[in-house]
Full PDB file with SEQRES, HELIX, SHEET, SSBOND, CRYST1, ORIGX, SCALE, CONECT and MASTER records, all heavy atoms in Angstrom:
SEQRES   1 A   30  GLU GLY SER PHE GLY GLY ALA VAL VAL LEU THR THR PRO          
SEQRES   2 A   30  ALA PRO SER LEU GLY GLY ALA VAL VAL GLN THR GLY LEU          
SEQRES   3 A   30  ALA ALA LEU ASP                                              
HELIX    1 AA1 GLY A   18  LEU A   29  1                                  12    
SHEET    1 AA1 2 GLY A   2  PHE A   4  0                                        
SHEET    2 AA1 2 ALA A   7  VAL A   9 -1                                        
CRYST1    1.000    1.000    1.000  90.00  90.00  90.00 P 1           1          
ORIGX1      1.000000  0.000000  0.000000        0.00000                         
ORIGX2      0.000000  1.000000  0.000000        0.00000                         
ORIGX3      0.000000  0.000000  1.000000        0.00000                         
SCALE1      1.000000  0.000000  0.000000        0.00000                         
SCALE2      0.000000  1.000000  0.000000        0.00000                         
SCALE3      0.000000  0.000000  1.000000        0.00000                         
ATOM      1  N   GLU A   1     100.639  74.233  13.616  1.00  0.00           N  
ATOM      2  CA  GLU A   1     101.027  75.231  12.616  1.00  0.00           C  
ATOM      3  C   GLU A   1     102.461  75.667  12.841  1.00  0.00           C  
ATOM      4  O   GLU A   1     102.853  76.020  13.961  1.00  0.00           O  
ATOM      5  CB  GLU A   1     100.095  76.440  12.671  1.00  0.00           C  
ATOM      6  CG  GLU A   1     100.430  77.494  11.627  1.00  0.00           C  
ATOM      7  CD  GLU A   1      99.409  78.617  11.558  1.00  0.00           C  
ATOM      8  OE1 GLU A   1      98.237  78.369  11.929  1.00  0.00           O  
ATOM      9  OE2 GLU A   1      99.783  79.735  11.135  1.00  0.00           O  
ATOM     10  N   GLY A   2     103.251  75.623  11.785  1.00  0.00           N  
ATOM     11  CA  GLY A   2     104.627  76.077  11.833  1.00  0.00           C  
ATOM     12  C   GLY A   2     104.970  76.763  10.528  1.00  0.00           C  
ATOM     13  O   GLY A   2     104.089  77.094   9.735  1.00  0.00           O  
ATOM     14  N   SER A   3     106.256  76.985  10.303  1.00  0.00           N  
ATOM     15  CA  SER A   3     106.668  77.632   9.072  1.00  0.00           C  
ATOM     16  C   SER A   3     107.949  76.997   8.573  1.00  0.00           C  
ATOM     17  O   SER A   3     108.715  76.410   9.343  1.00  0.00           O  
ATOM     18  CB  SER A   3     106.883  79.137   9.291  1.00  0.00           C  
ATOM     19  OG  SER A   3     107.929  79.364  10.217  1.00  0.00           O  
ATOM     20  N   PHE A   4     108.158  77.094   7.265  1.00  0.00           N  
ATOM     21  CA  PHE A   4     109.392  76.619   6.646  1.00  0.00           C  
ATOM     22  C   PHE A   4     109.576  77.333   5.324  1.00  0.00           C  
ATOM     23  O   PHE A   4     108.655  77.355   4.492  1.00  0.00           O  
ATOM     24  CB  PHE A   4     109.350  75.103   6.416  1.00  0.00           C  
ATOM     25  CG  PHE A   4     110.583  74.569   5.750  1.00  0.00           C  
ATOM     26  CD1 PHE A   4     111.772  74.452   6.453  1.00  0.00           C  
ATOM     27  CD2 PHE A   4     110.574  74.223   4.404  1.00  0.00           C  
ATOM     28  CE1 PHE A   4     112.923  73.983   5.841  1.00  0.00           C  
ATOM     29  CE2 PHE A   4     111.720  73.748   3.781  1.00  0.00           C  
ATOM     30  CZ  PHE A   4     112.895  73.630   4.501  1.00  0.00           C  
ATOM     31  N   GLY A   5     110.730  77.925   5.127  1.00  0.00           N  
ATOM     32  CA  GLY A   5     111.022  78.598   3.869  1.00  0.00           C  
ATOM     33  C   GLY A   5     110.029  79.687   3.519  1.00  0.00           C  
ATOM     34  O   GLY A   5     109.766  79.928   2.343  1.00  0.00           O  
ATOM     35  N   GLY A   6     109.463  80.340   4.532  1.00  0.00           N  
ATOM     36  CA  GLY A   6     108.482  81.384   4.296  1.00  0.00           C  
ATOM     37  C   GLY A   6     107.073  80.892   4.082  1.00  0.00           C  
ATOM     38  O   GLY A   6     106.151  81.700   3.920  1.00  0.00           O  
ATOM     39  N   ALA A   7     106.861  79.578   4.048  1.00  0.00           N  
ATOM     40  CA  ALA A   7     105.530  78.999   3.861  1.00  0.00           C  
ATOM     41  C   ALA A   7     104.961  78.547   5.207  1.00  0.00           C  
ATOM     42  O   ALA A   7     105.709  78.256   6.151  1.00  0.00           O  
ATOM     43  CB  ALA A   7     105.592  77.820   2.907  1.00  0.00           C  
ATOM     44  N   VAL A   8     103.644  78.488   5.292  1.00  0.00           N  
ATOM     45  CA  VAL A   8     102.963  77.976   6.481  1.00  0.00           C  
ATOM     46  C   VAL A   8     102.793  76.473   6.332  1.00  0.00           C  
ATOM     47  O   VAL A   8     102.343  75.992   5.288  1.00  0.00           O  
ATOM     48  CB  VAL A   8     101.586  78.650   6.666  1.00  0.00           C  
ATOM     49  CG1 VAL A   8     100.819  78.021   7.825  1.00  0.00           C  
ATOM     50  CG2 VAL A   8     101.763  80.149   6.898  1.00  0.00           C  
ATOM     51  N   VAL A   9     103.136  75.721   7.371  1.00  0.00           N  
ATOM     52  CA  VAL A   9     103.032  74.264   7.357  1.00  0.00           C  
ATOM     53  C   VAL A   9     102.005  73.843   8.399  1.00  0.00           C  
ATOM     54  O   VAL A   9     102.169  74.113   9.598  1.00  0.00           O  
ATOM     55  CB  VAL A   9     104.383  73.592   7.644  1.00  0.00           C  
ATOM     56  CG1 VAL A   9     104.231  72.067   7.622  1.00  0.00           C  
ATOM     57  CG2 VAL A   9     105.437  74.046   6.635  1.00  0.00           C  
ATOM     58  N   LEU A  10     100.933  73.196   7.941  1.00  0.00           N  
ATOM     59  CA  LEU A  10      99.895  72.656   8.825  1.00  0.00           C  
ATOM     60  C   LEU A  10     100.043  71.142   8.843  1.00  0.00           C  
ATOM     61  O   LEU A  10     100.075  70.510   7.784  1.00  0.00           O  
ATOM     62  CB  LEU A  10      98.502  73.035   8.321  1.00  0.00           C  
ATOM     63  CG  LEU A  10      98.233  74.531   8.132  1.00  0.00           C  
ATOM     64  CD1 LEU A  10      96.848  74.740   7.538  1.00  0.00           C  
ATOM     65  CD2 LEU A  10      98.360  75.271   9.457  1.00  0.00           C  
ATOM     66  N   THR A  11     100.115  70.569  10.036  1.00  0.00           N  
ATOM     67  CA  THR A  11     100.295  69.124  10.115  1.00  0.00           C  
ATOM     68  C   THR A  11      99.507  68.550  11.280  1.00  0.00           C  
ATOM     69  O   THR A  11      98.820  69.272  12.002  1.00  0.00           O  
ATOM     70  CB  THR A  11     101.794  68.768  10.172  1.00  0.00           C  
ATOM     71  OG1 THR A  11     101.970  67.366  10.016  1.00  0.00           O  
ATOM     72  CG2 THR A  11     102.419  69.227  11.484  1.00  0.00           C  
ATOM     73  N   THR A  12      99.610  67.256  11.476  1.00  0.00           N  
ATOM     74  CA  THR A  12      98.659  66.513  12.294  1.00  0.00           C  
ATOM     75  C   THR A  12      98.978  66.607  13.786  1.00  0.00           C  
ATOM     76  O   THR A  12     100.094  66.302  14.207  1.00  0.00           O  
ATOM     77  CB  THR A  12      98.666  65.041  11.863  1.00  0.00           C  
ATOM     78  OG1 THR A  12      98.693  64.986  10.440  1.00  0.00           O  
ATOM     79  CG2 THR A  12      97.426  64.327  12.366  1.00  0.00           C  
ATOM     80  N   PRO A  13      97.995  66.989  14.614  1.00  0.00           N  
ATOM     81  CA  PRO A  13      98.217  67.095  16.054  1.00  0.00           C  
ATOM     82  C   PRO A  13      98.079  65.750  16.753  1.00  0.00           C  
ATOM     83  O   PRO A  13      97.736  64.744  16.127  1.00  0.00           O  
ATOM     84  CB  PRO A  13      97.095  68.045  16.492  1.00  0.00           C  
ATOM     85  CG  PRO A  13      95.972  67.705  15.557  1.00  0.00           C  
ATOM     86  CD  PRO A  13      96.625  67.383  14.230  1.00  0.00           C  
ATOM     87  N   ALA A  14      98.335  65.731  18.069  1.00  0.00           N  
ATOM     88  CA  ALA A  14      98.088  64.537  18.871  1.00  0.00           C  
ATOM     89  C   ALA A  14      96.617  64.138  18.738  1.00  0.00           C  
ATOM     90  O   ALA A  14      95.752  64.997  18.585  1.00  0.00           O  
ATOM     91  CB  ALA A  14      98.434  64.816  20.332  1.00  0.00           C  
ATOM     92  N   PRO A  15      96.326  62.808  18.745  1.00  0.00           N  
ATOM     93  CA  PRO A  15      97.199  61.721  19.178  1.00  0.00           C  
ATOM     94  C   PRO A  15      98.198  61.213  18.141  1.00  0.00           C  
ATOM     95  O   PRO A  15      98.927  60.274  18.421  1.00  0.00           O  
ATOM     96  CB  PRO A  15      96.222  60.612  19.551  1.00  0.00           C  
ATOM     97  CG  PRO A  15      95.042  60.846  18.667  1.00  0.00           C  
ATOM     98  CD  PRO A  15      94.933  62.336  18.536  1.00  0.00           C  
ATOM     99  N   SER A  16      98.259  61.801  16.941  1.00  0.00           N  
ATOM    100  CA  SER A  16      99.337  61.451  16.021  1.00  0.00           C  
ATOM    101  C   SER A  16     100.665  61.921  16.606  1.00  0.00           C  
ATOM    102  O   SER A  16     100.757  63.012  17.178  1.00  0.00           O  
ATOM    103  CB  SER A  16      99.125  62.104  14.655  1.00  0.00           C  
ATOM    104  OG  SER A  16     100.283  61.956  13.858  1.00  0.00           O  
ATOM    105  N   LEU A  17     101.689  61.099  16.461  1.00  0.00           N  
ATOM    106  CA  LEU A  17     103.035  61.491  16.869  1.00  0.00           C  
ATOM    107  C   LEU A  17     103.798  62.144  15.724  1.00  0.00           C  
ATOM    108  O   LEU A  17     104.804  62.813  15.941  1.00  0.00           O  
ATOM    109  CB  LEU A  17     103.815  60.258  17.347  1.00  0.00           C  
ATOM    110  CG  LEU A  17     103.183  59.436  18.471  1.00  0.00           C  
ATOM    111  CD1 LEU A  17     104.020  58.199  18.750  1.00  0.00           C  
ATOM    112  CD2 LEU A  17     103.037  60.278  19.731  1.00  0.00           C  
ATOM    113  N   GLY A  18     103.328  61.927  14.486  1.00  0.00           N  
ATOM    114  CA  GLY A  18     104.097  62.332  13.327  1.00  0.00           C  
ATOM    115  C   GLY A  18     104.147  63.823  13.094  1.00  0.00           C  
ATOM    116  O   GLY A  18     105.151  64.356  12.608  1.00  0.00           O  
ATOM    117  N   GLY A  19     103.050  64.543  13.416  1.00  0.00           N  
ATOM    118  CA  GLY A  19     103.025  65.970  13.156  1.00  0.00           C  
ATOM    119  C   GLY A  19     104.113  66.710  13.914  1.00  0.00           C  
ATOM    120  O   GLY A  19     104.750  67.626  13.367  1.00  0.00           O  
ATOM    121  N   ALA A  20     104.343  66.336  15.153  1.00  0.00           N  
ATOM    122  CA  ALA A  20     105.395  66.983  15.941  1.00  0.00           C  
ATOM    123  C   ALA A  20     106.768  66.703  15.356  1.00  0.00           C  
ATOM    124  O   ALA A  20     107.665  67.551  15.415  1.00  0.00           O  
ATOM    125  CB  ALA A  20     105.326  66.506  17.394  1.00  0.00           C  
ATOM    126  N   VAL A  21     106.953  65.509  14.786  1.00  0.00           N  
ATOM    127  CA  VAL A  21     108.226  65.189  14.137  1.00  0.00           C  
ATOM    128  C   VAL A  21     108.446  66.112  12.938  1.00  0.00           C  
ATOM    129  O   VAL A  21     109.523  66.695  12.764  1.00  0.00           O  
ATOM    130  CB  VAL A  21     108.255  63.712  13.689  1.00  0.00           C  
ATOM    131  CG1 VAL A  21     109.489  63.421  12.842  1.00  0.00           C  
ATOM    132  CG2 VAL A  21     108.220  62.788  14.902  1.00  0.00           C  
ATOM    133  N   VAL A  22     107.428  66.257  12.088  1.00  0.00           N  
ATOM    134  CA  VAL A  22     107.546  67.134  10.919  1.00  0.00           C  
ATOM    135  C   VAL A  22     107.813  68.569  11.357  1.00  0.00           C  
ATOM    136  O   VAL A  22     108.710  69.244  10.839  1.00  0.00           O  
ATOM    137  CB  VAL A  22     106.271  67.050  10.063  1.00  0.00           C  
ATOM    138  CG1 VAL A  22     106.278  68.120   8.965  1.00  0.00           C  
ATOM    139  CG2 VAL A  22     106.142  65.669   9.440  1.00  0.00           C  
ATOM    140  N   GLN A  23     107.044  69.056  12.315  1.00  0.00           N  
ATOM    141  CA  GLN A  23     107.171  70.444  12.757  1.00  0.00           C  
ATOM    142  C   GLN A  23     108.546  70.712  13.369  1.00  0.00           C  
ATOM    143  O   GLN A  23     109.214  71.701  13.035  1.00  0.00           O  
ATOM    144  CB  GLN A  23     106.065  70.753  13.768  1.00  0.00           C  
ATOM    145  CG  GLN A  23     105.978  72.211  14.173  1.00  0.00           C  
ATOM    146  CD  GLN A  23     104.850  72.436  15.157  1.00  0.00           C  
ATOM    147  OE1 GLN A  23     104.803  71.825  16.215  1.00  0.00           O  
ATOM    148  NE2 GLN A  23     103.928  73.326  14.807  1.00  0.00           N  
ATOM    149  N   THR A  24     109.003  69.829  14.261  1.00  0.00           N  
ATOM    150  CA  THR A  24     110.289  70.019  14.924  1.00  0.00           C  
ATOM    151  C   THR A  24     111.441  69.916  13.931  1.00  0.00           C  
ATOM    152  O   THR A  24     112.389  70.706  13.964  1.00  0.00           O  
ATOM    153  CB  THR A  24     110.473  68.974  16.040  1.00  0.00           C  
ATOM    154  OG1 THR A  24     109.387  69.079  16.962  1.00  0.00           O  
ATOM    155  CG2 THR A  24     111.793  69.182  16.775  1.00  0.00           C  
ATOM    156  N   GLY A  25     111.360  68.924  13.035  1.00  0.00           N  
ATOM    157  CA  GLY A  25     112.425  68.739  12.063  1.00  0.00           C  
ATOM    158  C   GLY A  25     112.549  69.894  11.092  1.00  0.00           C  
ATOM    159  O   GLY A  25     113.657  70.343  10.780  1.00  0.00           O  
ATOM    160  N   LEU A  26     111.420  70.406  10.595  1.00  0.00           N  
ATOM    161  CA  LEU A  26     111.470  71.532   9.662  1.00  0.00           C  
ATOM    162  C   LEU A  26     111.999  72.788  10.348  1.00  0.00           C  
ATOM    163  O   LEU A  26     112.748  73.570   9.744  1.00  0.00           O  
ATOM    164  CB  LEU A  26     110.092  71.792   9.069  1.00  0.00           C  
ATOM    165  CG  LEU A  26     109.589  70.757   8.059  1.00  0.00           C  
ATOM    166  CD1 LEU A  26     108.159  71.076   7.641  1.00  0.00           C  
ATOM    167  CD2 LEU A  26     110.492  70.681   6.829  1.00  0.00           C  
ATOM    168  N   ALA A  27     111.639  72.986  11.610  1.00  0.00           N  
ATOM    169  CA  ALA A  27     112.148  74.147  12.340  1.00  0.00           C  
ATOM    170  C   ALA A  27     113.664  74.080  12.486  1.00  0.00           C  
ATOM    171  O   ALA A  27     114.361  75.094  12.361  1.00  0.00           O  
ATOM    172  CB  ALA A  27     111.483  74.244  13.713  1.00  0.00           C  
ATOM    173  N   ALA A  28     114.191  72.863  12.730  1.00  0.00           N  
ATOM    174  CA  ALA A  28     115.638  72.698  12.865  1.00  0.00           C  
ATOM    175  C   ALA A  28     116.357  72.843  11.530  1.00  0.00           C  
ATOM    176  O   ALA A  28     117.543  73.177  11.491  1.00  0.00           O  
ATOM    177  CB  ALA A  28     115.949  71.327  13.477  1.00  0.00           C  
ATOM    178  N   LEU A  29     115.641  72.629  10.438  1.00  0.00           N  
ATOM    179  CA  LEU A  29     116.242  72.636   9.103  1.00  0.00           C  
ATOM    180  C   LEU A  29     116.198  74.009   8.444  1.00  0.00           C  
ATOM    181  O   LEU A  29     116.913  74.257   7.467  1.00  0.00           O  
ATOM    182  CB  LEU A  29     115.507  71.619   8.236  1.00  0.00           C  
ATOM    183  CG  LEU A  29     116.143  71.121   6.940  1.00  0.00           C  
ATOM    184  CD1 LEU A  29     117.472  70.445   7.216  1.00  0.00           C  
ATOM    185  CD2 LEU A  29     115.190  70.160   6.242  1.00  0.00           C  
ATOM    186  N   ASP A  30     115.370  74.893   8.955  1.00  0.00           N  
ATOM    187  CA  ASP A  30     115.125  76.187   8.320  1.00  0.00           C  
ATOM    188  C   ASP A  30     116.148  77.228   8.787  1.00  0.00           C  
ATOM    189  O   ASP A  30     116.310  77.412   9.995  1.00  0.00           O  
ATOM    190  CB  ASP A  30     113.709  76.652   8.683  1.00  0.00           C  
ATOM    191  CG  ASP A  30     113.167  77.727   7.782  1.00  0.00           C  
ATOM    192  OD1 ASP A  30     113.733  77.935   6.702  1.00  0.00           O  
ATOM    193  OD2 ASP A  30     112.173  78.372   8.169  1.00  0.00           O  
TER     194      ASP A  30                                                      
MASTER        0    0    0    1    2    0    0    6  193    1    0    3          
END                                                                             
């Protein structure tokens, strides 16, 4: 669970690698 632009973003946990990419990237972009 993270946030971006005031919205809550839910994405895929391990063993997926992709969710951490989405979460980290959106945090850096916000």
